[in-house]
N, C-alpha and C. Protein backbone atom coordinates (compact mmCIF):
# COMPACT_ATOMS: atom_id res chain seq x y z
N MET A 1 -15.29 0.84 10.55
CA MET A 1 -14.17 0.35 10.01
C MET A 1 -13.89 -0.71 10.50
N ASN A 2 -12.72 -1.54 9.43
CA ASN A 2 -12.63 -3.67 9.94
C ASN A 2 -10.77 -3.12 10.20
N PHE A 3 -10.48 -3.74 11.21
CA PHE A 3 -8.98 -3.59 11.06
C PHE A 3 -8.30 -4.52 12.73
N TYR A 4 -7.17 -4.94 12.27
CA TYR A 4 -6.40 -5.98 13.29
C TYR A 4 -5.57 -5.13 13.39
N THR A 5 -5.42 -5.17 15.12
CA THR A 5 -4.51 -4.45 15.84
C THR A 5 -2.95 -5.32 15.33
N PHE A 6 -2.22 -4.44 15.93
CA PHE A 6 -0.90 -4.93 16.07
C PHE A 6 0.57 -4.90 16.79
N GLU A 7 1.05 -4.75 17.66
CA GLU A 7 2.11 -4.35 17.86
C GLU A 7 3.58 -4.35 16.80
N PHE A 8 4.39 -3.17 16.56
CA PHE A 8 5.50 -2.92 15.96
C PHE A 8 6.30 -2.06 16.57
N ALA A 9 7.62 -2.47 16.72
CA ALA A 9 8.51 -1.67 17.25
C ALA A 9 8.38 -0.99 18.06
N GLY A 10 7.15 -1.16 19.01
CA GLY A 10 6.88 -0.37 20.28
C GLY A 10 5.64 0.47 20.08
N GLN A 11 5.09 0.30 18.77
CA GLN A 11 3.89 1.35 18.44
C GLN A 11 2.44 0.45 18.32
N THR A 12 1.12 0.89 18.34
CA THR A 12 0.82 -0.36 18.47
C THR A 12 0.20 0.16 16.46
N LEU A 13 -0.08 -0.32 15.49
CA LEU A 13 -0.36 -0.26 14.54
C LEU A 13 -2.05 -0.48 13.78
N HIS A 14 -2.39 -0.26 12.93
CA HIS A 14 -4.02 -0.76 12.24
C HIS A 14 -3.86 -1.30 11.09
N ALA A 15 -4.26 -2.42 10.91
CA ALA A 15 -4.18 -2.80 9.41
C ALA A 15 -5.83 -3.04 9.56
N LEU A 16 -5.61 -2.33 8.19
CA LEU A 16 -7.12 -1.99 7.74
C LEU A 16 -7.64 -3.04 6.75
N GLY A 17 -9.14 -3.21 6.88
CA GLY A 17 -9.15 -4.45 5.82
C GLY A 17 -9.19 -4.23 4.34
N SER A 18 -9.32 -2.69 3.90
CA SER A 18 -8.48 -2.13 2.70
C SER A 18 -7.11 -2.56 2.24
N GLY A 19 -6.31 -2.65 2.62
CA GLY A 19 -4.55 -2.33 3.28
C GLY A 19 -4.37 -1.18 3.30
N ALA A 20 -4.60 -0.75 3.55
CA ALA A 20 -3.80 0.77 4.46
C ALA A 20 -3.55 0.37 5.84
N LEU A 21 -2.81 1.24 6.20
CA LEU A 21 -2.10 1.07 7.58
C LEU A 21 -2.29 1.98 8.27
N TYR A 22 -3.03 2.14 9.72
CA TYR A 22 -2.53 3.21 10.48
C TYR A 22 -2.26 3.09 11.50
N TRP A 23 -1.53 4.29 11.72
CA TRP A 23 -1.18 4.77 13.92
C TRP A 23 -1.79 5.76 13.67
N PRO A 24 -2.59 5.48 15.20
CA PRO A 24 -3.39 6.06 15.72
C PRO A 24 -2.46 7.07 17.17
N ALA A 25 -1.69 6.85 16.91
CA ALA A 25 -0.95 7.69 18.35
C ALA A 25 -0.05 9.19 16.95
N GLU A 26 -0.08 8.85 15.61
CA GLU A 26 0.55 10.20 15.17
C GLU A 26 -0.24 10.19 14.45
N GLY A 27 -1.27 9.96 13.65
CA GLY A 27 -2.56 10.14 13.36
C GLY A 27 -2.10 10.36 11.80
N VAL A 28 -0.97 9.08 11.15
CA VAL A 28 -0.77 8.04 10.44
C VAL A 28 -0.98 7.62 9.44
N LEU A 29 -1.98 7.69 8.11
CA LEU A 29 -2.34 7.23 7.28
C LEU A 29 -1.37 6.08 6.10
N CYS A 30 -1.16 5.60 6.21
CA CYS A 30 0.18 4.99 4.85
C CYS A 30 -0.56 3.73 4.22
N VAL A 31 -0.32 4.41 2.58
CA VAL A 31 -0.78 3.25 1.60
C VAL A 31 0.44 3.66 0.28
N SER A 32 0.02 2.12 -0.24
CA SER A 32 1.24 1.64 -0.77
C SER A 32 0.90 1.09 -2.33
N ASP A 33 1.73 1.01 -3.55
CA ASP A 33 1.07 0.76 -4.63
C ASP A 33 -0.37 1.26 -5.07
N LEU A 34 -0.74 2.71 -4.74
CA LEU A 34 -1.65 2.75 -5.78
C LEU A 34 -1.91 2.48 -7.01
N HIS A 35 -1.22 2.72 -7.73
CA HIS A 35 -0.67 2.42 -9.27
C HIS A 35 -1.61 3.22 -10.09
N LEU A 36 -2.33 4.03 -9.63
CA LEU A 36 -3.19 5.59 -10.14
C LEU A 36 -2.40 5.62 -11.59
N GLY A 37 -3.49 5.33 -12.92
CA GLY A 37 -3.18 5.23 -13.81
C GLY A 37 -2.89 3.91 -14.82
N LYS A 38 -3.49 3.17 -13.96
CA LYS A 38 -2.89 1.86 -15.39
C LYS A 38 -3.50 1.75 -16.22
N SER A 39 -4.74 1.76 -16.46
CA SER A 39 -5.41 1.05 -17.33
C SER A 39 -4.92 2.47 -17.97
N GLU A 40 -4.14 3.97 -18.07
CA GLU A 40 -4.43 4.76 -19.45
C GLU A 40 -3.09 4.33 -20.17
N ARG A 41 -1.93 3.72 -18.82
CA ARG A 41 -0.88 3.59 -19.07
C ARG A 41 0.03 1.67 -20.01
N VAL A 42 -1.10 1.58 -19.66
CA VAL A 42 -1.35 -0.08 -20.54
C VAL A 42 -1.55 0.10 -21.85
N ALA A 43 -2.44 1.23 -22.02
CA ALA A 43 -3.22 1.37 -23.43
C ALA A 43 -2.36 2.21 -24.44
N ARG A 44 -1.31 2.92 -23.67
CA ARG A 44 -0.67 3.92 -24.21
C ARG A 44 0.61 2.73 -24.99
N ARG A 45 0.96 2.09 -24.31
CA ARG A 45 2.37 1.37 -24.29
C ARG A 45 2.06 -0.03 -24.71
N SER A 46 1.02 -0.52 -24.78
CA SER A 46 0.61 -1.88 -25.30
C SER A 46 -0.47 -1.82 -26.43
N ARG A 47 -1.62 -1.05 -26.42
CA ARG A 47 -2.69 -0.63 -27.04
C ARG A 47 -3.96 -1.79 -26.83
N GLN A 48 -3.37 -2.31 -25.13
CA GLN A 48 -4.17 -3.30 -25.00
C GLN A 48 -5.42 -2.42 -23.93
N LEU A 49 -6.74 -2.74 -23.88
CA LEU A 49 -7.50 -1.60 -23.44
C LEU A 49 -7.92 -2.54 -22.22
N LEU A 50 -7.77 -2.07 -20.74
CA LEU A 50 -8.66 -2.39 -19.62
C LEU A 50 -9.74 -1.54 -19.30
N PRO A 51 -10.44 -2.12 -18.80
CA PRO A 51 -11.98 -1.18 -18.11
C PRO A 51 -11.68 0.38 -17.56
N PRO A 52 -11.48 1.36 -17.96
CA PRO A 52 -10.71 2.65 -17.12
C PRO A 52 -11.28 3.03 -15.65
N TYR A 53 -11.39 2.27 -15.33
CA TYR A 53 -12.53 2.57 -14.07
C TYR A 53 -11.33 2.55 -12.78
N GLU A 54 -10.17 1.89 -12.76
CA GLU A 54 -9.50 1.82 -12.11
C GLU A 54 -9.37 2.55 -10.80
N THR A 55 -8.39 4.16 -11.65
CA THR A 55 -8.14 4.79 -10.88
C THR A 55 -9.86 5.55 -9.80
N ARG A 56 -10.56 5.86 -10.22
CA ARG A 56 -12.03 6.42 -9.60
C ARG A 56 -12.36 5.05 -8.41
N ASP A 57 -12.12 4.17 -8.98
CA ASP A 57 -11.97 2.80 -7.43
C ASP A 57 -11.67 2.55 -6.27
N THR A 58 -9.84 3.15 -7.08
CA THR A 58 -8.88 3.67 -5.86
C THR A 58 -9.06 5.12 -5.44
N LEU A 59 -9.44 5.97 -5.77
CA LEU A 59 -10.07 6.90 -4.82
C LEU A 59 -10.52 6.89 -4.32
N GLN A 60 -11.51 6.07 -4.83
CA GLN A 60 -12.86 6.23 -4.44
C GLN A 60 -12.71 5.41 -2.69
N ARG A 61 -11.88 4.38 -2.94
CA ARG A 61 -11.45 4.10 -1.04
C ARG A 61 -10.57 4.73 -0.79
N LEU A 62 -9.49 5.27 -1.11
CA LEU A 62 -8.68 6.40 -0.43
C LEU A 62 -9.36 7.31 0.05
N ASP A 63 -10.43 7.54 -0.39
CA ASP A 63 -11.93 8.49 -0.03
C ASP A 63 -12.15 8.09 1.27
N ASP A 64 -13.16 6.77 1.30
CA ASP A 64 -13.42 6.19 2.23
C ASP A 64 -12.30 6.07 3.24
N VAL A 65 -11.25 5.21 3.26
CA VAL A 65 -10.34 5.51 4.33
C VAL A 65 -10.21 6.62 5.24
N ILE A 66 -9.93 7.52 4.56
CA ILE A 66 -9.27 9.10 5.15
C ILE A 66 -10.50 9.61 5.64
N ALA A 67 -11.99 9.47 5.26
CA ALA A 67 -12.57 9.93 5.43
C ALA A 67 -13.07 8.80 7.53
N ALA A 68 -12.50 7.91 7.15
CA ALA A 68 -12.70 6.97 8.67
C ALA A 68 -11.82 7.33 9.69
N THR A 69 -10.37 7.61 9.02
CA THR A 69 -9.41 7.95 10.12
C THR A 69 -9.13 9.05 10.36
N ALA A 70 -9.58 10.13 9.43
CA ALA A 70 -9.35 12.12 9.55
C ALA A 70 -7.67 11.80 9.91
N PRO A 71 -6.94 11.03 9.52
CA PRO A 71 -5.65 11.59 9.56
C PRO A 71 -4.54 12.75 9.42
N ARG A 72 -3.82 12.97 9.82
CA ARG A 72 -3.26 14.59 10.59
C ARG A 72 -2.25 14.32 8.95
N ASN A 73 -1.60 12.72 8.31
CA ASN A 73 -0.27 12.75 7.51
C ASN A 73 -1.08 11.94 6.55
N VAL A 74 -0.94 11.73 5.70
CA VAL A 74 -0.83 10.53 4.48
C VAL A 74 0.75 10.37 3.79
N ILE A 75 0.77 9.05 4.28
CA ILE A 75 2.42 8.65 3.04
C ILE A 75 1.17 7.26 2.32
N CYS A 76 2.04 8.30 1.13
CA CYS A 76 1.70 7.38 -0.53
C CYS A 76 3.42 6.69 -0.32
N LEU A 77 3.22 5.43 -0.11
CA LEU A 77 4.53 4.31 0.00
C LEU A 77 5.28 3.93 -1.09
N GLY A 78 4.82 5.07 -2.65
CA GLY A 78 5.83 4.50 -3.97
C GLY A 78 4.76 3.67 -4.62
N ASP A 79 5.49 4.12 -6.23
CA ASP A 79 4.38 3.70 -7.23
C ASP A 79 2.73 4.25 -7.12
N SER A 80 2.65 5.42 -7.19
CA SER A 80 1.87 6.06 -6.14
C SER A 80 0.74 6.12 -8.23
N PHE A 81 1.50 6.65 -8.97
CA PHE A 81 1.19 6.61 -10.72
C PHE A 81 2.15 5.15 -11.15
N ASP A 82 1.38 4.65 -12.15
CA ASP A 82 2.15 3.75 -12.67
C ASP A 82 3.31 4.39 -13.33
N ASP A 83 3.34 5.10 -13.96
CA ASP A 83 4.63 5.94 -14.14
C ASP A 83 4.15 7.01 -14.58
N LEU A 84 5.20 8.20 -14.74
CA LEU A 84 5.14 9.56 -14.79
C LEU A 84 4.08 10.24 -15.68
N GLU A 85 3.87 9.82 -17.00
CA GLU A 85 2.66 9.99 -17.72
C GLU A 85 1.39 9.82 -17.47
N ALA A 86 0.82 8.60 -16.58
CA ALA A 86 -0.40 8.46 -15.49
C ALA A 86 -0.62 9.43 -14.98
N GLY A 87 0.42 10.15 -14.30
CA GLY A 87 -0.19 11.12 -13.26
C GLY A 87 -0.59 12.16 -13.88
N GLN A 88 0.91 12.84 -14.83
CA GLN A 88 0.07 13.78 -16.01
C GLN A 88 -0.93 13.47 -16.45
N SER A 89 -1.44 12.24 -17.09
CA SER A 89 -2.50 11.91 -18.00
C SER A 89 -4.07 11.79 -17.27
N LEU A 90 -4.10 12.34 -15.76
CA LEU A 90 -5.44 12.10 -14.83
C LEU A 90 -6.48 13.31 -15.56
N PRO A 91 -7.34 13.03 -16.34
CA PRO A 91 -8.36 13.55 -16.17
C PRO A 91 -9.29 14.70 -15.05
N GLU A 92 -9.22 15.44 -15.41
CA GLU A 92 -9.35 16.98 -14.39
C GLU A 92 -9.97 16.59 -13.25
N ASP A 93 -11.69 16.19 -13.31
CA ASP A 93 -12.40 15.53 -12.36
C ASP A 93 -11.59 14.36 -11.21
N GLU A 94 -11.00 13.12 -11.73
CA GLU A 94 -10.10 12.47 -10.82
C GLU A 94 -8.83 13.49 -10.20
N ARG A 95 -8.01 14.33 -10.94
CA ARG A 95 -6.77 15.52 -10.23
C ARG A 95 -7.45 16.19 -9.16
N LEU A 96 -8.66 16.94 -9.01
CA LEU A 96 -9.13 17.80 -8.42
C LEU A 96 -9.90 16.80 -7.18
N TRP A 97 -10.15 15.50 -7.54
CA TRP A 97 -10.78 14.97 -5.98
C TRP A 97 -9.42 14.11 -5.30
N LEU A 98 -8.10 14.37 -5.94
CA LEU A 98 -7.34 13.83 -5.08
C LEU A 98 -6.27 15.05 -4.56
N ILE A 99 -6.45 16.36 -4.95
CA ILE A 99 -6.32 17.26 -4.50
C ILE A 99 -7.09 17.67 -3.25
N ARG A 100 -8.29 17.53 -3.21
CA ARG A 100 -8.98 17.42 -2.20
C ARG A 100 -9.03 17.11 -1.15
N LEU A 101 -8.58 15.51 -1.70
CA LEU A 101 -8.05 14.69 -0.28
C LEU A 101 -6.97 15.15 0.64
N MET A 102 -5.96 15.82 -0.36
CA MET A 102 -4.97 16.46 0.28
C MET A 102 -5.13 17.26 0.80
N ALA A 103 -5.81 18.28 1.17
CA ALA A 103 -6.48 19.32 1.43
C ALA A 103 -5.93 18.89 3.22
N GLY A 104 -5.21 20.24 3.65
CA GLY A 104 -5.63 20.36 5.15
C GLY A 104 -4.50 18.93 5.58
N ARG A 105 -4.23 18.59 5.57
CA ARG A 105 -3.21 17.96 6.01
C ARG A 105 -1.63 17.28 5.42
N ARG A 106 -0.63 16.72 6.42
CA ARG A 106 0.85 16.52 5.49
C ARG A 106 0.39 15.42 4.54
N TRP A 107 0.94 15.36 3.56
CA TRP A 107 1.07 14.39 2.34
C TRP A 107 2.30 14.12 1.89
N VAL A 108 2.61 12.90 2.07
CA VAL A 108 4.17 12.53 1.62
C VAL A 108 4.39 11.47 0.41
N TRP A 109 4.72 11.75 -0.53
CA TRP A 109 5.09 11.45 -1.66
C TRP A 109 6.56 10.23 -1.59
N ILE A 110 6.15 9.06 -1.05
CA ILE A 110 7.35 8.47 -1.12
C ILE A 110 7.78 8.20 -3.08
N GLU A 111 9.27 8.16 -2.99
CA GLU A 111 9.22 7.62 -4.11
C GLU A 111 9.91 6.21 -4.75
N GLY A 112 8.92 5.80 -6.02
CA GLY A 112 8.78 4.17 -6.11
C GLY A 112 9.76 4.14 -7.48
N ASN A 113 9.01 3.01 -7.60
CA ASN A 113 10.39 2.66 -8.78
C ASN A 113 9.65 2.00 -10.28
N HIS A 114 8.27 2.76 -10.51
CA HIS A 114 7.66 3.29 -11.24
C HIS A 114 7.72 4.90 -11.18
N ASP A 115 8.15 5.66 -10.37
CA ASP A 115 7.51 7.26 -10.42
C ASP A 115 8.15 7.74 -8.97
N PRO A 116 9.43 8.53 -9.40
CA PRO A 116 9.55 9.59 -8.48
C PRO A 116 9.17 9.75 -7.55
N GLY A 117 7.15 10.09 -7.64
CA GLY A 117 6.85 10.75 -6.70
C GLY A 117 6.22 11.90 -8.18
N PRO A 118 4.94 12.15 -8.10
CA PRO A 118 3.78 12.83 -8.88
C PRO A 118 4.43 14.52 -8.39
N LEU A 119 4.79 15.48 -9.54
CA LEU A 119 5.61 16.63 -9.38
C LEU A 119 4.57 17.90 -9.65
N ASP A 120 3.08 17.62 -10.53
CA ASP A 120 2.67 18.04 -10.34
C ASP A 120 1.98 18.09 -9.84
N PHE A 121 1.43 17.37 -8.24
CA PHE A 121 0.80 17.68 -7.37
C PHE A 121 1.92 18.14 -6.17
N GLY A 122 0.73 18.87 -5.24
CA GLY A 122 1.61 19.56 -4.36
C GLY A 122 2.37 17.88 -3.22
N GLY A 123 2.41 18.87 -2.08
CA GLY A 123 3.00 17.62 -0.67
C GLY A 123 4.07 17.41 -0.87
N THR A 124 5.53 16.47 -0.59
CA THR A 124 6.50 16.41 0.04
C THR A 124 6.61 15.38 -0.56
N HIS A 125 8.14 15.23 -1.28
CA HIS A 125 8.65 14.44 -1.67
C HIS A 125 9.75 14.01 -1.54
N LEU A 126 9.67 12.61 -0.87
CA LEU A 126 11.04 12.03 0.19
C LEU A 126 11.15 10.79 -0.52
N GLY A 127 12.40 10.20 -0.94
CA GLY A 127 12.99 8.88 -1.00
C GLY A 127 12.64 8.23 0.05
N SER A 128 12.76 8.75 1.88
CA SER A 128 12.26 7.85 2.45
C SER A 128 11.79 8.81 3.57
N TRP A 129 10.79 8.54 4.63
CA TRP A 129 10.28 9.44 6.14
C TRP A 129 10.37 8.16 7.03
N GLN A 130 10.88 9.36 8.11
CA GLN A 130 10.82 8.58 9.31
C GLN A 130 10.08 9.02 10.12
N ARG A 131 9.47 8.51 11.45
CA ARG A 131 8.79 8.80 12.39
C ARG A 131 8.76 8.45 13.65
N GLN A 132 9.53 8.92 14.54
CA GLN A 132 10.10 7.74 15.38
C GLN A 132 10.62 7.27 15.25
N ARG A 133 10.32 5.68 15.40
CA ARG A 133 11.94 4.28 14.65
C ARG A 133 11.47 4.27 13.84
N LEU A 134 10.21 4.29 13.52
CA LEU A 134 9.47 3.49 12.12
C LEU A 134 9.97 4.40 10.85
N LEU A 135 10.53 3.76 10.14
CA LEU A 135 11.05 4.33 8.59
C LEU A 135 9.98 3.82 7.19
N PHE A 136 9.84 4.89 6.40
CA PHE A 136 8.56 4.31 5.73
C PHE A 136 9.58 4.46 4.50
N ARG A 137 9.46 3.54 3.30
CA ARG A 137 10.25 3.13 2.42
C ARG A 137 9.78 2.42 1.63
N HIS A 138 9.92 2.76 0.02
CA HIS A 138 9.28 1.85 -0.66
C HIS A 138 9.63 0.27 -0.97
N ILE A 139 10.87 -0.12 -1.13
CA ILE A 139 11.53 -1.43 -1.64
C ILE A 139 12.44 -1.81 0.25
N ALA A 140 12.37 -3.11 0.55
CA ALA A 140 12.23 -2.93 2.22
C ALA A 140 13.92 -3.17 0.89
N GLY A 141 14.69 -3.16 2.69
CA GLY A 141 16.03 -2.56 2.68
C GLY A 141 17.16 -4.26 3.16
N SER A 142 18.09 -4.42 3.21
CA SER A 142 18.44 -5.39 3.67
C SER A 142 19.09 -4.55 5.24
N GLY A 143 18.66 -6.10 5.92
CA GLY A 143 19.04 -4.95 7.69
C GLY A 143 18.16 -3.94 7.89
N ALA A 144 17.05 -4.10 7.84
CA ALA A 144 16.65 -2.84 8.21
C ALA A 144 15.98 -2.93 9.52
N GLU A 145 15.98 -2.36 10.60
CA GLU A 145 14.97 -2.43 11.59
C GLU A 145 13.62 -1.06 11.49
N ALA A 146 12.45 -1.73 12.23
CA ALA A 146 11.57 -1.25 12.56
C ALA A 146 11.10 -0.17 10.95
N GLU A 147 10.87 -1.29 9.95
CA GLU A 147 11.01 -0.42 8.27
C GLU A 147 9.55 -0.89 7.86
N VAL A 148 8.81 -0.19 7.58
CA VAL A 148 7.69 -0.15 6.81
C VAL A 148 7.27 0.14 5.17
N SER A 149 7.48 -0.91 4.07
CA SER A 149 7.97 -0.63 2.93
C SER A 149 6.73 -1.40 1.82
N GLY A 150 6.68 -1.11 0.96
CA GLY A 150 5.64 -2.15 0.00
C GLY A 150 5.88 -2.81 -1.60
N HIS A 151 5.83 -2.24 -2.35
CA HIS A 151 6.78 -2.99 -3.47
C HIS A 151 6.57 -4.16 -4.25
N TYR A 152 6.23 -5.49 -2.79
CA TYR A 152 6.03 -6.49 -3.92
C TYR A 152 4.64 -6.52 -3.79
N HIS A 153 3.36 -6.17 -3.33
CA HIS A 153 1.95 -6.46 -3.29
C HIS A 153 1.90 -7.66 -2.99
N PRO A 154 2.08 -8.18 -1.82
CA PRO A 154 2.64 -9.76 -1.48
C PRO A 154 0.78 -9.81 -0.69
N LYS A 155 0.47 -10.99 -1.24
CA LYS A 155 -1.04 -11.47 -0.94
C LYS A 155 -0.39 -13.21 -0.38
N VAL A 156 -1.88 -14.06 0.07
CA VAL A 156 -1.78 -15.19 0.82
C VAL A 156 -3.26 -15.94 0.23
N SER A 157 -2.42 -17.39 -0.17
CA SER A 157 -3.80 -18.34 -0.17
C SER A 157 -4.31 -18.91 0.88
N LEU A 158 -4.94 -19.52 0.96
CA LEU A 158 -5.51 -20.84 2.17
C LEU A 158 -6.81 -21.28 1.67
N PRO A 159 -6.36 -22.75 2.10
CA PRO A 159 -8.02 -23.38 1.82
C PRO A 159 -9.10 -23.37 2.54
N LEU A 160 -9.97 -22.83 1.80
CA LEU A 160 -11.40 -22.42 2.99
C LEU A 160 -12.54 -23.28 2.26
N ARG A 161 -13.13 -24.47 3.22
CA ARG A 161 -14.30 -24.63 2.27
C ARG A 161 -14.02 -25.46 0.74
N GLY A 162 -12.76 -26.03 0.65
CA GLY A 162 -12.55 -26.74 -0.57
C GLY A 162 -12.57 -25.98 -1.65
N ARG A 163 -12.32 -25.03 -1.28
CA ARG A 163 -11.20 -23.80 -2.45
C ARG A 163 -10.42 -22.84 -1.52
N MET A 164 -9.26 -22.30 -2.55
CA MET A 164 -8.54 -21.52 -1.98
C MET A 164 -8.74 -19.46 -2.21
N LEU A 165 -9.26 -19.37 -0.70
CA LEU A 165 -9.25 -17.55 -0.51
C LEU A 165 -7.78 -17.32 -0.80
N THR A 166 -7.92 -16.08 -1.84
CA THR A 166 -6.78 -15.14 -1.97
C THR A 166 -7.09 -14.28 -1.59
N ARG A 167 -6.52 -13.27 -0.78
CA ARG A 167 -6.21 -12.07 -0.66
C ARG A 167 -5.03 -11.50 -0.37
N PRO A 168 -5.05 -9.68 -0.68
CA PRO A 168 -3.54 -9.13 -0.47
C PRO A 168 -3.06 -9.48 0.66
N SER A 169 -2.59 -8.96 1.37
CA SER A 169 -1.67 -9.06 2.48
C SER A 169 -1.07 -8.24 3.14
N PHE A 170 -0.46 -8.11 4.74
CA PHE A 170 0.53 -7.30 5.05
C PHE A 170 1.19 -8.57 5.48
N LEU A 171 2.45 -8.10 5.31
CA LEU A 171 3.14 -9.26 6.28
C LEU A 171 4.28 -8.59 7.20
N VAL A 172 4.33 -9.31 8.08
CA VAL A 172 4.43 -9.14 9.45
C VAL A 172 5.85 -9.52 10.14
N SER A 173 6.67 -9.11 10.58
CA SER A 173 8.22 -9.60 11.20
C SER A 173 8.44 -8.77 12.35
N ARG A 174 9.20 -9.12 13.08
CA ARG A 174 9.80 -8.01 14.21
C ARG A 174 10.72 -7.09 13.34
N SER A 175 11.40 -7.21 12.54
CA SER A 175 11.67 -6.11 12.20
C SER A 175 11.61 -5.20 10.76
N ARG A 176 10.40 -5.77 10.41
CA ARG A 176 9.87 -4.90 9.05
C ARG A 176 8.26 -5.76 8.60
N VAL A 177 7.75 -4.26 8.74
CA VAL A 177 6.55 -4.47 7.27
C VAL A 177 5.77 -4.68 6.02
N ILE A 178 5.97 -5.33 5.30
CA ILE A 178 5.37 -5.57 3.83
C ILE A 178 3.40 -5.13 3.31
N MET A 179 3.91 -3.82 2.94
CA MET A 179 2.22 -3.37 2.69
C MET A 179 1.75 -4.21 1.90
N PRO A 180 0.63 -4.50 1.54
CA PRO A 180 -0.41 -4.97 0.05
C PRO A 180 -0.67 -3.40 -0.55
N ALA A 181 -0.83 -4.18 -1.67
CA ALA A 181 -0.80 -2.77 -2.49
C ALA A 181 -2.50 -2.39 -2.51
N PHE A 182 -2.71 -1.05 -2.80
CA PHE A 182 -3.67 -0.99 -2.10
C PHE A 182 -4.28 -0.54 -3.90
N GLY A 183 -4.14 -0.57 -4.68
CA GLY A 183 -4.84 -0.33 -6.18
C GLY A 183 -5.48 -0.85 -6.62
N THR A 184 -6.19 -1.21 -6.81
CA THR A 184 -7.28 -1.75 -7.83
C THR A 184 -6.87 -3.14 -9.11
N TYR A 185 -5.99 -2.15 -9.79
CA TYR A 185 -5.35 -3.18 -10.75
C TYR A 185 -3.71 -3.44 -10.68
N THR A 186 -3.37 -3.97 -9.78
CA THR A 186 -1.95 -4.49 -9.09
C THR A 186 -1.71 -6.07 -8.62
N GLY A 187 -2.69 -7.05 -8.67
CA GLY A 187 -2.04 -7.87 -8.93
C GLY A 187 -1.50 -8.25 -7.17
N GLY A 188 -0.99 -9.66 -7.37
CA GLY A 188 0.03 -9.67 -6.17
C GLY A 188 1.26 -10.47 -6.34
N LEU A 189 2.09 -10.97 -5.33
CA LEU A 189 3.37 -11.90 -4.86
C LEU A 189 2.98 -12.74 -4.09
N ARG A 190 2.97 -14.09 -3.97
CA ARG A 190 2.10 -14.92 -3.05
C ARG A 190 3.15 -15.08 -2.00
N SER A 191 2.77 -14.85 -0.57
CA SER A 191 4.05 -15.12 0.39
C SER A 191 5.36 -15.88 -0.01
N SER A 192 4.91 -17.18 -0.02
CA SER A 192 5.70 -18.15 -0.47
C SER A 192 6.93 -17.71 -1.44
N ALA A 193 7.12 -16.54 -2.33
CA ALA A 193 8.24 -16.75 -3.51
C ALA A 193 9.25 -16.43 -2.78
N PRO A 194 9.97 -16.84 -3.07
CA PRO A 194 11.82 -16.83 -2.29
C PRO A 194 12.01 -15.35 -1.33
N ILE A 195 11.68 -14.13 -2.31
CA ILE A 195 12.05 -13.41 -1.93
C ILE A 195 11.46 -12.41 -0.70
N LEU A 196 10.20 -13.05 -0.49
CA LEU A 196 9.48 -12.66 0.78
C LEU A 196 10.12 -13.36 2.06
N GLN A 197 10.34 -14.96 1.83
CA GLN A 197 10.71 -15.61 2.31
C GLN A 197 11.88 -15.09 3.14
N GLN A 198 12.69 -14.30 2.11
CA GLN A 198 14.15 -14.08 2.61
C GLN A 198 14.21 -12.96 3.48
N LEU A 199 13.31 -11.73 2.58
CA LEU A 199 13.16 -10.85 3.57
C LEU A 199 12.21 -10.55 5.05
N MET A 200 11.56 -11.52 4.89
CA MET A 200 10.67 -11.89 6.10
C MET A 200 10.81 -12.72 7.63
N GLY A 201 11.80 -13.73 7.04
CA GLY A 201 12.58 -14.15 8.33
C GLY A 201 11.26 -15.50 8.65
N PRO A 202 11.76 -16.47 9.37
CA PRO A 202 10.51 -17.33 10.01
C PRO A 202 10.02 -17.24 10.64
N ASP A 203 10.42 -15.89 11.23
CA ASP A 203 9.58 -15.14 13.02
C ASP A 203 7.65 -14.54 11.94
N ALA A 204 7.76 -14.54 10.54
CA ALA A 204 7.17 -13.90 9.83
C ALA A 204 5.45 -14.27 10.23
N TYR A 205 4.58 -13.45 10.22
CA TYR A 205 3.15 -13.50 9.81
C TYR A 205 2.29 -12.69 8.96
N ALA A 206 1.21 -13.36 8.68
CA ALA A 206 0.03 -12.08 7.32
C ALA A 206 -0.72 -11.97 8.10
N ILE A 207 -0.98 -10.78 7.62
CA ILE A 207 -2.73 -10.14 7.88
C ILE A 207 -3.44 -10.67 6.56
N MET A 208 -4.57 -10.96 6.24
CA MET A 208 -5.08 -10.85 5.48
C MET A 208 -6.35 -10.17 5.18
N THR A 209 -6.44 -8.65 4.33
CA THR A 209 -6.96 -8.05 4.11
C THR A 209 -8.62 -8.61 4.05
N GLY A 210 -9.72 -7.55 3.38
CA GLY A 210 -11.04 -8.31 3.57
C GLY A 210 -11.58 -7.27 4.93
N PRO A 211 -12.77 -8.39 4.26
CA PRO A 211 -13.84 -7.27 5.53
C PRO A 211 -13.60 -8.06 7.32
N ALA A 212 -12.57 -8.70 7.88
CA ALA A 212 -12.65 -8.84 8.76
C ALA A 212 -11.20 -9.38 9.27
N PRO A 213 -10.21 -8.45 8.72
CA PRO A 213 -8.74 -9.01 8.93
C PRO A 213 -8.20 -9.85 9.87
N GLN A 214 -7.78 -10.47 9.53
CA GLN A 214 -7.16 -11.95 10.94
C GLN A 214 -5.56 -12.14 10.69
N PRO A 215 -5.05 -12.55 11.72
CA PRO A 215 -3.54 -12.73 11.20
C PRO A 215 -3.31 -14.41 11.13
N VAL A 216 -2.53 -14.87 10.17
CA VAL A 216 -2.53 -15.91 9.66
C VAL A 216 -1.00 -16.72 9.58
N SER A 217 -0.49 -17.88 9.61
CA SER A 217 0.56 -18.12 9.04
C SER A 217 1.36 -17.67 8.54
N MET A 218 2.39 -16.92 7.93
CA MET A 218 3.11 -16.82 6.59
C MET A 218 3.05 -17.97 5.64
N PRO A 219 2.28 -18.88 4.47
CA PRO A 219 2.84 -19.80 4.10
C PRO A 219 3.90 -20.13 3.52
N VAL A 220 5.13 -20.64 3.09
CA VAL A 220 5.89 -20.84 2.81
C VAL A 220 5.48 -21.71 1.24
N ALA A 221 4.86 -22.23 0.70
CA ALA A 221 4.49 -23.19 -0.29
C ALA A 221 3.06 -22.17 -0.95
N GLY A 222 2.55 -22.64 -1.88
CA GLY A 222 1.13 -22.07 -2.13
C GLY A 222 1.65 -21.04 -4.03
């Protein structure tokens, strides 16, 4: 399992290459913005057809990271489904797959702006979740301290050997972490976007996901 270790609010956290966040001392695995069922939602609302494999791909990657970390707690940091109907429309084999992943551990669904939490599944449904000093919520709040959030799907682009390398990325400052989206069909917002620059401040840096997650300067343009 590839990860980058960093200190945040007095805790040691692992930014995993998959885009998940692991807190070893508390046995907490956090994933954000799964957007399960996006292809079904796009087809239902716009009649545009996307290859309908993204839910299985996201579930497989989630399965892999759970197997690698064996967490006691899993926090889904909002927008777990692309909308409520997408959650209700999951094929039975995918529903059973998710239920199997939930078994034997505490599973917290944080309310997102796309869905208030999949009410047809078990687990705990909350607006936010706090453990020690760390506060987990979907959208970053103003003036927050020790906050872990998602929503913005941050990504970073860097020049590499004559081309631009773009990857989903964690954004980290002294007061907040913004998670990358874990879902397969999620896109991303460049770290140079004014809202991310405003939220993170001048001391922030990024951790790019991928085979060897590493910290990089948070680009202010691109």
